[in-house]
Every structure is written in structure tokens, then in C-alpha cells.
């Protein structure tokens, strides 16, 4: 019995240590030693939960313009984002997706070199890229066929996260700042209500809220020495998860918790605090709950979950498309324009189940009024910046989307709001047979020689600078 007791005294601390290491993302991996016997090696994932501890920040890369670097970091000052001198830094951004999808890397690398794509972004006049990623990508390899290594030889042998590092460095060489966006939990297209709706996956023991926060902390530590990474967009389009059912609320109480409501305000505040422990110079972007789509007044309550302690860091974000709208909008309601679908649309709207109209159905005056009611008043009161971090359209001038886009861009220009067009990407969407209808580049991932009507509209209303002379 004494030998058994002695064994327990040895085994218990080992078991306890292994328990905490597993909580940190460690695992025991079987392997064979030189004698052919199976042993178990301890493997600790440095790209996952708790990985910020002791992580060495990556180098920002060579070739970045020194005068441009002096403008960084950025901060919020009233309604504007400003540089280190206090001058406005107007976010004229574009979304470049792919790292959030099935291939785990940004789009276009199978068609063009990374540096050429980044140069194309600069040529179009954008000064910022919103880079969506998934939590799954952080611990994944790139998908086969997602990169042409003849055009991108330096990306050969890299993990998906290391490819993201190279994207950040290449954008920095073009004097383009980066805002990372946690778009999805899993590497797949962001759609309607699905398992990517919340900031964590309620049905997963791996992708918990704690893991989500620690993934962000890891990225804050990783890019601490990269001044071109100026902000973190904590989560894209927060919405309900159908199974297991959870729905997001803003500062929910015990009653909504009983009915599976979960507090987005508390989660965003906790994540912001953890990120700023690693890098206190980052902008913190918080998106509103996407459905129902409400105004931003609760998000700016002071004192509240975000203000005043994030006063020089906070940027609120909204998305606008022709096919969505205020309140309980009926997505793509304009396509239900005849027959039984038209009757059903009219019926459910008449009952008040869905909002009476989407943004694409509004006149310019109505649209401006709705934008001001939802978030324009925050700019007028000089409370904090509001970033329209997604909007986009077909190029066809006769399309329903494009007619809305013309009205919307005029309103956006009048408000002088920070923005991010969706998307840069062209060609088929990852792991999908569907083409990307809103993309700005040509098939070779360069600016179109003939130009682009949407770029022209952004320039016309002062949202993008004029093209360089000779182009």
C-alpha cells in the first residue's frame, strides 16, 4: 500500500499538469521511438488558444515607406479616425476575402502574384483592406490548388496563417493598412443563420467563447510589431445560430439567457480588453447585430459596455446592401416580384412579420433618412467613428442593385463616412460554382483597362481619390 501511495503522489501532479496543458490546446500525439515502441509526445498548438503567451511577434517586413509609417498608429477622435499627428485618416477600404473560406487563403493567388494584387489595390485608390479570416484557418494548411506557386514561389510550404503574414507584409509595402475581420468560425462561405452566426459555436467544445478571445489575443501578439495592422473587427454580422439555438442580444439579462439569448455586448467588451492587453494601439471594431437590424444608440451608451473605456479605440461598423434593410428585413425580397411569391411577400409584410421595405426599395431621400436614423446621428454628435464595412453591387447599370448603389454612394459621400467595398475578388467563390458578381478587378486580378463604373461612382462622390495621371 505504501508503494501505491507513492505512485499516486507521482501520478496526481502529472495528471493535473496534463489537464491544464490540454486546456491550453496541448495534446498527446502517438509516435515510435528508435526501439520501435509507441510513445506519446506532448504537442502544444502555438496558433491556437492561449498561444499569445511567449509568442514572438513577426517582423513587419522590409520596403515599407518610412514617411507613411510615421502616420501610424491610428486612433478614434470623435467621429473620425486620425493618424499620429491628429489628421484624419479616412478609411477608403476594400474587402479581400478567402482566408475565411474553404481554401484558407485570400483569393486570387491561383491567378496572380500576391504583390501584383496588392499593387492593384493601391492603383484603385484604396488605403485599407479588410481581411476576413476564420478561426479554423488559424490552425490549418492551405487547400490544394489555392495558390499558383510559379507566380508565388515564396508562399510554398507555408501554413495558412503564414500566408496571411505575407499578405500583411505585401500590403504594408503598398502603404495600405489592414483591419483583420473574424468573419467565420469555420472555413466556409458566410451565409444566413448557420453555425457561423455567433462569435463562437454553441455546439462545439473546441470553438468556445474563450477560444475566440484567445485567438484574437494570439493575433494581437503576433502582429504587435506590424504597424500596418491597425485594427481588429471582432466578428462579422452577428446573428442567431439555429442549432443548438442561440441568439445574440445587446446587454441581455437573466430572462433572455433562459431563452438562449447570449450577450454580444459583454463578449465584445471582454475580447477588446484582452486584445488591448497585447497591443494597446489597435482600433477595436464592433459590428451591430445584423438581424433584426437596429440603430446604434445602445452601442454608444455612456457609461456602457464599450464607452467610455474604449473612447479612443472604438469604431462601430454597419453593413448595407440593396437586399437587406432595417429591422426584421426580408432578405432578397425584391426577387419575390410576381405570382405566389409576390403574394406571400405582401402578406407577411402586411402582418408586420417583416419590415415593409428593404434599402433597395427606398428613394434617395428615404435612404438618407434611414441611414441617419440608424447611425448617422452618431457622426453628427461626434461620438465615435462609424465604418460602413460592407456594401457592393453588380456593375450592370440596369440592375436593381446598381440603381440602389447609385443612391447609396451619393448618401455615403454626403456623410463622408469611412467605408469598405465588398469585394475586391473576382471569379468563382471558394468551393462553389457561383461567380462573384460584385468584384472590382479583371479576370487577371488587375484593374480593368476599360475601368469600372462602381469605382467611377466612388470617385465622383469623393469617396476615392482621382486616378493617377496617365491611367
Foldseek 3Di string as FASTA:
>chain_A
DVVVVVVCVVVVVVVVVVVVQVVQVKDWDWDADPVRDIDTDIDGDLLFFPNLVPDAADALAPQFDPVLLQQDDWWWFQAFIGTPVRHGDFQLAFEFEDCLADQNATAQQLQAALLQLLVQCVLLFGQEYEYEHALVQSVAAGDPSRHDCVRVVVCPPDRSVVNVSVNSSSNSNSNHAYEYEHEFHHRHDDDDAAQRQALFGPVDPRGDLSRLLRSLQSVLQHCQNNRSHAAYASYPQHAFHVVVTAGEDDPDDPVVVVVRYDHPLQSLLVSVVSSCVNHVRHAYEYEDHVAQAAACVQVLDVVDSCPDVCQTRYEYEYEAFLQAAHHHADGNLVVLPDDPSVVVSVVCCVVVVHPPHHLLVDDLVVNLVRCCRRYLVSSVVSRTHYENEEYFAAQPCPDSRNVSLLSVLLSCLVSSHRYYYYHQDFADDPPDPDTDRGHQDDPSSHHDPVHTPSSVSCCVSPSGPDRDPPD
